[in-house]
PDB file of all heavy atoms in Angstrom:
ATOM      1  N   MET A   1     -10.444 -16.676  -5.897  1.00  0.00           N
ATOM      2  CA  MET A   1     -11.058 -15.341  -5.787  1.00  0.00           C
ATOM      3  C   MET A   1     -10.649 -14.665  -4.476  1.00  0.00           C
ATOM      4  O   MET A   1     -10.345 -13.476  -4.459  1.00  0.00           O
ATOM      5  CB  MET A   1     -12.583 -15.448  -5.876  1.00  0.00           C
ATOM      6  CG  MET A   1     -13.073 -15.878  -7.252  1.00  0.00           C
ATOM      7  SD  MET A   1     -12.516 -14.794  -8.582  1.00  0.00           S
ATOM      8  CE  MET A   1     -13.465 -13.347  -8.246  1.00  0.00           C
ATOM      9  N   ASN A   2     -10.654 -15.438  -3.392  1.00  0.00           N
ATOM     10  CA  ASN A   2     -10.230 -14.881  -2.098  1.00  0.00           C
ATOM     11  C   ASN A   2      -8.766 -14.464  -2.145  1.00  0.00           C
ATOM     12  O   ASN A   2      -8.381 -13.430  -1.599  1.00  0.00           O
ATOM     13  CB  ASN A   2     -10.456 -15.885  -0.968  1.00  0.00           C
ATOM     14  CG  ASN A   2     -11.928 -16.041  -0.639  1.00  0.00           C
ATOM     15  OD1 ASN A   2     -12.721 -15.146  -0.914  1.00  0.00           O
ATOM     16  ND2 ASN A   2     -12.292 -17.177  -0.073  1.00  0.00           N
ATOM     17  N   ASN A   3      -7.945 -15.278  -2.807  1.00  0.00           N
ATOM     18  CA  ASN A   3      -6.533 -14.926  -2.946  1.00  0.00           C
ATOM     19  C   ASN A   3      -6.376 -13.652  -3.754  1.00  0.00           C
ATOM     20  O   ASN A   3      -5.535 -12.807  -3.443  1.00  0.00           O
ATOM     21  CB  ASN A   3      -5.744 -16.063  -3.605  1.00  0.00           C
ATOM     22  CG  ASN A   3      -5.514 -17.227  -2.665  1.00  0.00           C
ATOM     23  OD1 ASN A   3      -5.682 -17.105  -1.458  1.00  0.00           O
ATOM     24  ND2 ASN A   3      -5.151 -18.375  -3.224  1.00  0.00           N
ATOM     25  N   GLN A   4      -7.191 -13.507  -4.815  1.00  0.00           N
ATOM     26  CA  GLN A   4      -7.100 -12.298  -5.647  1.00  0.00           C
ATOM     27  C   GLN A   4      -7.542 -11.077  -4.850  1.00  0.00           C
ATOM     28  O   GLN A   4      -6.922 -10.027  -4.913  1.00  0.00           O
ATOM     29  CB  GLN A   4      -7.948 -12.453  -6.910  1.00  0.00           C
ATOM     30  CG  GLN A   4      -7.333 -13.375  -7.934  1.00  0.00           C
ATOM     31  CD  GLN A   4      -8.231 -13.563  -9.161  1.00  0.00           C
ATOM     32  OE1 GLN A   4      -9.418 -13.289  -9.126  1.00  0.00           O
ATOM     33  NE2 GLN A   4      -7.629 -14.039 -10.235  1.00  0.00           N
ATOM     34  N   LYS A   5      -8.649 -11.251  -4.072  1.00  0.00           N
ATOM     35  CA  LYS A   5      -9.103 -10.127  -3.236  1.00  0.00           C
ATOM     36  C   LYS A   5      -8.033  -9.774  -2.215  1.00  0.00           C
ATOM     37  O   LYS A   5      -7.745  -8.615  -1.979  1.00  0.00           O
ATOM     38  CB  LYS A   5     -10.410 -10.483  -2.523  1.00  0.00           C
ATOM     39  CG  LYS A   5     -11.610 -10.496  -3.427  1.00  0.00           C
ATOM     40  CD  LYS A   5     -12.863 -10.881  -2.663  1.00  0.00           C
ATOM     41  CE  LYS A   5     -14.049 -11.001  -3.595  1.00  0.00           C
ATOM     42  NZ  LYS A   5     -15.239 -11.489  -2.892  1.00  0.00           N
ATOM     43  N   SER A   6      -7.465 -10.827  -1.621  1.00  0.00           N
ATOM     44  CA  SER A   6      -6.401 -10.616  -0.644  1.00  0.00           C
ATOM     45  C   SER A   6      -5.197  -9.963  -1.309  1.00  0.00           C
ATOM     46  O   SER A   6      -4.569  -9.078  -0.744  1.00  0.00           O
ATOM     47  CB  SER A   6      -6.007 -11.950  -0.025  1.00  0.00           C
ATOM     48  OG  SER A   6      -4.900 -11.788   0.809  1.00  0.00           O
ATOM     49  N   SER A   7      -4.906 -10.405  -2.532  1.00  0.00           N
ATOM     50  CA  SER A   7      -3.783  -9.836  -3.274  1.00  0.00           C
ATOM     51  C   SER A   7      -4.045  -8.371  -3.593  1.00  0.00           C
ATOM     52  O   SER A   7      -3.170  -7.530  -3.452  1.00  0.00           O
ATOM     53  CB  SER A   7      -3.555 -10.628  -4.553  1.00  0.00           C
ATOM     54  OG  SER A   7      -2.547 -10.036  -5.322  1.00  0.00           O
ATOM     55  N   LYS A   8      -5.311  -8.076  -4.008  1.00  0.00           N
ATOM     56  CA  LYS A   8      -5.663  -6.673  -4.281  1.00  0.00           C
ATOM     57  C   LYS A   8      -5.574  -5.860  -3.006  1.00  0.00           C
ATOM     58  O   LYS A   8      -5.070  -4.747  -3.004  1.00  0.00           O
ATOM     59  CB  LYS A   8      -7.075  -6.589  -4.866  1.00  0.00           C
ATOM     60  CG  LYS A   8      -7.162  -7.025  -6.302  1.00  0.00           C
ATOM     61  CD  LYS A   8      -8.572  -6.908  -6.820  1.00  0.00           C
ATOM     62  CE  LYS A   8      -8.674  -7.424  -8.247  1.00  0.00           C
ATOM     63  NZ  LYS A   8     -10.051  -7.425  -8.739  1.00  0.00           N
ATOM     64  N   SER A   9      -6.067  -6.465  -1.912  1.00  0.00           N
ATOM     65  CA  SER A   9      -5.994  -5.782  -0.630  1.00  0.00           C
ATOM     66  C   SER A   9      -4.540  -5.570  -0.229  1.00  0.00           C
ATOM     67  O   SER A   9      -4.163  -4.507   0.253  1.00  0.00           O
ATOM     68  CB  SER A   9      -6.728  -6.603   0.432  1.00  0.00           C
ATOM     69  OG  SER A   9      -6.551  -6.037   1.695  1.00  0.00           O
ATOM     70  N   SER A  10      -3.719  -6.601  -0.466  1.00  0.00           N
ATOM     71  CA  SER A  10      -2.288  -6.482  -0.155  1.00  0.00           C
ATOM     72  C   SER A  10      -1.653  -5.401  -1.010  1.00  0.00           C
ATOM     73  O   SER A  10      -0.851  -4.614  -0.528  1.00  0.00           O
ATOM     74  CB  SER A  10      -1.573  -7.813  -0.398  1.00  0.00           C
ATOM     75  OG  SER A  10      -2.029  -8.779   0.509  1.00  0.00           O
ATOM     76  N   ARG A  11      -2.018  -5.381  -2.321  1.00  0.00           N
ATOM     77  CA  ARG A  11      -1.484  -4.343  -3.202  1.00  0.00           C
ATOM     78  C   ARG A  11      -1.925  -2.969  -2.728  1.00  0.00           C
ATOM     79  O   ARG A  11      -1.137  -2.027  -2.722  1.00  0.00           O
ATOM     80  CB  ARG A  11      -1.929  -4.580  -4.649  1.00  0.00           C
ATOM     81  CG  ARG A  11      -0.967  -5.481  -5.400  1.00  0.00           C
ATOM     82  CD  ARG A  11      -1.322  -5.582  -6.870  1.00  0.00           C
ATOM     83  NE  ARG A  11      -1.794  -6.956  -7.054  1.00  0.00           N
ATOM     84  CZ  ARG A  11      -2.946  -7.307  -7.606  1.00  0.00           C
ATOM     85  NH1 ARG A  11      -3.754  -6.416  -8.082  1.00  0.00           N
ATOM     86  NH2 ARG A  11      -3.289  -8.563  -7.690  1.00  0.00           N
ATOM     87  N   ALA A  12      -3.219  -2.879  -2.326  1.00  0.00           N
ATOM     88  CA  ALA A  12      -3.719  -1.597  -1.817  1.00  0.00           C
ATOM     89  C   ALA A  12      -2.958  -1.211  -0.550  1.00  0.00           C
ATOM     90  O   ALA A  12      -2.589  -0.048  -0.370  1.00  0.00           O
ATOM     91  CB  ALA A  12      -5.215  -1.675  -1.536  1.00  0.00           C
ATOM     92  N   ASN A  13      -2.716  -2.208   0.325  1.00  0.00           N
ATOM     93  CA  ASN A  13      -1.948  -1.931   1.547  1.00  0.00           C
ATOM     94  C   ASN A  13      -0.532  -1.495   1.204  1.00  0.00           C
ATOM     95  O   ASN A  13       0.002  -0.574   1.814  1.00  0.00           O
ATOM     96  CB  ASN A  13      -1.911  -3.169   2.452  1.00  0.00           C
ATOM     97  CG  ASN A  13      -3.239  -3.427   3.130  1.00  0.00           C
ATOM     98  OD1 ASN A  13      -4.084  -2.546   3.201  1.00  0.00           O
ATOM     99  ND2 ASN A  13      -3.430  -4.639   3.600  1.00  0.00           N
ATOM    100  N   ILE A  14       0.067  -2.168   0.230  1.00  0.00           N
ATOM    101  CA  ILE A  14       1.424  -1.803  -0.187  1.00  0.00           C
ATOM    102  C   ILE A  14       1.429  -0.388  -0.757  1.00  0.00           C
ATOM    103  O   ILE A  14       2.307   0.415  -0.441  1.00  0.00           O
ATOM    104  CB  ILE A  14       1.973  -2.815  -1.206  1.00  0.00           C
ATOM    105  CG1 ILE A  14       2.268  -4.149  -0.503  1.00  0.00           C
ATOM    106  CG2 ILE A  14       3.222  -2.286  -1.902  1.00  0.00           C
ATOM    107  CD1 ILE A  14       2.592  -5.298  -1.437  1.00  0.00           C
ATOM    108  N   GLU A  15       0.403  -0.075  -1.588  1.00  0.00           N
ATOM    109  CA  GLU A  15       0.321   1.274  -2.150  1.00  0.00           C
ATOM    110  C   GLU A  15       0.141   2.301  -1.045  1.00  0.00           C
ATOM    111  O   GLU A  15       0.750   3.367  -1.078  1.00  0.00           O
ATOM    112  CB  GLU A  15      -0.826   1.351  -3.161  1.00  0.00           C
ATOM    113  CG  GLU A  15      -0.535   0.609  -4.454  1.00  0.00           C
ATOM    114  CD  GLU A  15      -1.742   0.531  -5.384  1.00  0.00           C
ATOM    115  OE1 GLU A  15      -2.813   1.079  -5.042  1.00  0.00           O
ATOM    116  OE2 GLU A  15      -1.593  -0.090  -6.458  1.00  0.00           O
ATOM    117  N   THR A  16      -0.693   1.956  -0.057  1.00  0.00           N
ATOM    118  CA  THR A  16      -0.894   2.877   1.074  1.00  0.00           C
ATOM    119  C   THR A  16       0.410   3.063   1.835  1.00  0.00           C
ATOM    120  O   THR A  16       0.766   4.180   2.202  1.00  0.00           O
ATOM    121  CB  THR A  16      -1.989   2.330   2.020  1.00  0.00           C
ATOM    122  OG1 THR A  16      -3.197   2.163   1.283  1.00  0.00           O
ATOM    123  CG2 THR A  16      -2.214   3.253   3.187  1.00  0.00           C
ATOM    124  N   ILE A  17       1.115   1.948   2.046  1.00  0.00           N
ATOM    125  CA  ILE A  17       2.406   2.030   2.739  1.00  0.00           C
ATOM    126  C   ILE A  17       3.380   2.869   1.927  1.00  0.00           C
ATOM    127  O   ILE A  17       4.082   3.724   2.472  1.00  0.00           O
ATOM    128  CB  ILE A  17       2.969   0.613   3.003  1.00  0.00           C
ATOM    129  CG1 ILE A  17       2.131  -0.087   4.068  1.00  0.00           C
ATOM    130  CG2 ILE A  17       4.432   0.671   3.415  1.00  0.00           C
ATOM    131  CD1 ILE A  17       2.429  -1.563   4.225  1.00  0.00           C
ATOM    132  N   GLU A  18       3.393   2.647   0.594  1.00  0.00           N
ATOM    133  CA  GLU A  18       4.305   3.429  -0.255  1.00  0.00           C
ATOM    134  C   GLU A  18       3.946   4.899  -0.214  1.00  0.00           C
ATOM    135  O   GLU A  18       4.821   5.757  -0.145  1.00  0.00           O
ATOM    136  CB  GLU A  18       4.267   2.895  -1.686  1.00  0.00           C
ATOM    137  CG  GLU A  18       4.962   1.552  -1.852  1.00  0.00           C
ATOM    138  CD  GLU A  18       4.776   0.950  -3.249  1.00  0.00           C
ATOM    139  OE1 GLU A  18       3.956   1.466  -4.030  1.00  0.00           O
ATOM    140  OE2 GLU A  18       5.463  -0.049  -3.530  1.00  0.00           O
ATOM    141  N   GLU A  19       2.622   5.204  -0.257  1.00  0.00           N
ATOM    142  CA  GLU A  19       2.198   6.605  -0.177  1.00  0.00           C
ATOM    143  C   GLU A  19       2.605   7.195   1.166  1.00  0.00           C
ATOM    144  O   GLU A  19       3.065   8.333   1.234  1.00  0.00           O
ATOM    145  CB  GLU A  19       0.684   6.712  -0.357  1.00  0.00           C
ATOM    146  CG  GLU A  19       0.222   6.486  -1.778  1.00  0.00           C
ATOM    147  CD  GLU A  19      -1.292   6.496  -1.900  1.00  0.00           C
ATOM    148  OE1 GLU A  19      -1.971   6.991  -0.971  1.00  0.00           O
ATOM    149  OE2 GLU A  19      -1.785   6.005  -2.926  1.00  0.00           O
ATOM    150  N   THR A  20       2.429   6.411   2.228  1.00  0.00           N
ATOM    151  CA  THR A  20       2.816   6.881   3.557  1.00  0.00           C
ATOM    152  C   THR A  20       4.317   7.135   3.610  1.00  0.00           C
ATOM    153  O   THR A  20       4.764   8.149   4.145  1.00  0.00           O
ATOM    154  CB  THR A  20       2.413   5.841   4.626  1.00  0.00           C
ATOM    155  OG1 THR A  20       1.003   5.621   4.535  1.00  0.00           O
ATOM    156  CG2 THR A  20       2.770   6.310   6.014  1.00  0.00           C
ATOM    157  N   GLU A  21       5.099   6.196   3.004  1.00  0.00           N
ATOM    158  CA  GLU A  21       6.550   6.383   2.973  1.00  0.00           C
ATOM    159  C   GLU A  21       6.906   7.634   2.181  1.00  0.00           C
ATOM    160  O   GLU A  21       7.786   8.395   2.581  1.00  0.00           O
ATOM    161  CB  GLU A  21       7.223   5.160   2.367  1.00  0.00           C
ATOM    162  CG  GLU A  21       7.222   3.953   3.287  1.00  0.00           C
ATOM    163  CD  GLU A  21       7.785   2.692   2.630  1.00  0.00           C
ATOM    164  OE1 GLU A  21       8.094   2.729   1.420  1.00  0.00           O
ATOM    165  OE2 GLU A  21       7.909   1.680   3.333  1.00  0.00           O
ATOM    166  N   ILE A  22       6.202   7.855   1.054  1.00  0.00           N
ATOM    167  CA  ILE A  22       6.454   9.062   0.256  1.00  0.00           C
ATOM    168  C   ILE A  22       6.118  10.296   1.083  1.00  0.00           C
ATOM    169  O   ILE A  22       6.872  11.278   1.089  1.00  0.00           O
ATOM    170  CB  ILE A  22       5.649   9.018  -1.056  1.00  0.00           C
ATOM    171  CG1 ILE A  22       6.247   7.958  -1.987  1.00  0.00           C
ATOM    172  CG2 ILE A  22       5.625  10.383  -1.732  1.00  0.00           C
ATOM    173  CD1 ILE A  22       5.413   7.669  -3.217  1.00  0.00           C
ATOM    174  N   ASN A  23       4.973  10.245   1.803  1.00  0.00           N
ATOM    175  CA  ASN A  23       4.605  11.379   2.652  1.00  0.00           C
ATOM    176  C   ASN A  23       5.654  11.610   3.726  1.00  0.00           C
ATOM    177  O   ASN A  23       6.011  12.752   4.009  1.00  0.00           O
ATOM    178  CB  ASN A  23       3.229  11.158   3.282  1.00  0.00           C
ATOM    179  CG  ASN A  23       2.102  11.284   2.277  1.00  0.00           C
ATOM    180  OD1 ASN A  23       2.271  11.878   1.217  1.00  0.00           O
ATOM    181  ND2 ASN A  23       0.961  10.708   2.586  1.00  0.00           N
ATOM    182  N   TYR A  24       6.135  10.515   4.351  1.00  0.00           N
ATOM    183  CA  TYR A  24       7.185  10.658   5.346  1.00  0.00           C
ATOM    184  C   TYR A  24       8.432  11.268   4.720  1.00  0.00           C
ATOM    185  O   TYR A  24       9.069  12.139   5.311  1.00  0.00           O
ATOM    186  CB  TYR A  24       7.537   9.324   5.994  1.00  0.00           C
ATOM    187  CG  TYR A  24       6.526   8.823   6.991  1.00  0.00           C
ATOM    188  CD1 TYR A  24       6.214   7.478   7.062  1.00  0.00           C
ATOM    189  CD2 TYR A  24       5.895   9.687   7.877  1.00  0.00           C
ATOM    190  CE1 TYR A  24       5.289   7.005   7.985  1.00  0.00           C
ATOM    191  CE2 TYR A  24       4.978   9.227   8.797  1.00  0.00           C
ATOM    192  CZ  TYR A  24       4.673   7.892   8.848  1.00  0.00           C
ATOM    193  OH  TYR A  24       3.777   7.430   9.754  1.00  0.00           O
ATOM    194  N   MET A  25       8.779  10.798   3.513  1.00  0.00           N
ATOM    195  CA  MET A  25       9.963  11.333   2.847  1.00  0.00           C
ATOM    196  C   MET A  25       9.764  12.815   2.549  1.00  0.00           C
ATOM    197  O   MET A  25      10.695  13.608   2.706  1.00  0.00           O
ATOM    198  CB  MET A  25      10.269  10.551   1.568  1.00  0.00           C
ATOM    199  CG  MET A  25      10.714   9.122   1.811  1.00  0.00           C
ATOM    200  SD  MET A  25      12.085   8.971   2.991  1.00  0.00           S
ATOM    201  CE  MET A  25      13.390   9.773   2.092  1.00  0.00           C
ATOM    202  N   ASN A  26       8.551  13.198   2.112  1.00  0.00           N
ATOM    203  CA  ASN A  26       8.286  14.612   1.869  1.00  0.00           C
ATOM    204  C   ASN A  26       8.427  15.411   3.161  1.00  0.00           C
ATOM    205  O   ASN A  26       9.000  16.501   3.159  1.00  0.00           O
ATOM    206  CB  ASN A  26       6.878  14.808   1.288  1.00  0.00           C
ATOM    207  CG  ASN A  26       6.785  14.355  -0.152  1.00  0.00           C
ATOM    208  OD1 ASN A  26       7.786  14.228  -0.849  1.00  0.00           O
ATOM    209  ND2 ASN A  26       5.580  14.088  -0.606  1.00  0.00           N
ATOM    210  N   GLU A  27       7.911  14.870   4.253  1.00  0.00           N
ATOM    211  CA  GLU A  27       8.025  15.548   5.540  1.00  0.00           C
ATOM    212  C   GLU A  27       9.491  15.635   5.979  1.00  0.00           C
ATOM    213  O   GLU A  27       9.924  16.655   6.505  1.00  0.00           O
ATOM    214  CB  GLU A  27       7.188  14.837   6.612  1.00  0.00           C
ATOM    215  CG  GLU A  27       5.693  14.909   6.375  1.00  0.00           C
ATOM    216  CD  GLU A  27       5.166  16.331   6.301  1.00  0.00           C
ATOM    217  OE1 GLU A  27       5.578  17.173   7.126  1.00  0.00           O
ATOM    218  OE2 GLU A  27       4.352  16.613   5.410  1.00  0.00           O
ATOM    219  N   ILE A  28      10.235  14.567   5.741  1.00  0.00           N
ATOM    220  CA  ILE A  28      11.662  14.565   6.086  1.00  0.00           C
ATOM    221  C   ILE A  28      12.390  15.605   5.234  1.00  0.00           C
ATOM    222  O   ILE A  28      13.220  16.363   5.747  1.00  0.00           O
ATOM    223  CB  ILE A  28      12.269  13.156   5.906  1.00  0.00           C
ATOM    224  CG1 ILE A  28      11.742  12.225   7.003  1.00  0.00           C
ATOM    225  CG2 ILE A  28      13.793  13.212   5.929  1.00  0.00           C
ATOM    226  CD1 ILE A  28      12.095  10.768   6.804  1.00  0.00           C
TER     227      ILE A  28
END
């Protein structure tokens, strides 16, 4: 369960990073 929560958190972090990268790309 902790691994799944961590995995979800990691996925959320990855999604946030991807959104941030998309925002950076839009700004670029």
